[in-house]
């Protein structure tokens, strides 16, 4: 027999596809960040902006992190020095990680377990009720601020 609670829950099970997509997207962002950092380092060294071929994208990422500014590229001169390369790659990867933290914060705020359910935003309440009606109902909406015993 199916209980009332079982009928109310979300029937979509938690599966491996979403975490795998997040992991794959994270890996791709880190690899692309390494190549963007290498491109900026070579651009600053005067070699111009270069991008590896699709076949070399993942293969050359480890070499770039190890300090090889020409990994996966056709001949490029002058190449960035290993220290400058690592500094550029680190800077870009920090931006990538900060972006991931911000996006995680936004997603958890919107869909996470601590989200506020069933509450209209301030703009939605103003649009629906109007300012005069909100002012008239302020004691009901926020009794902690406008109730009879509220401290001002």
Foldseek 3Di string as FASTA:
>chain_A
DDDPVNVPDDPDDDDDPVVVVVVVVLVVLLLVLLLVLLQVQQVVVPQHGDDADPVQSVVQSVVLCVQDSCRRHDDTPPGGGSVSSNVSSVVSVVVSVVVVVVVVVVCCQVPNPPHDPPDDDPVVCCVVQNDVRCVVCVCVVCVCCPNPPHDD
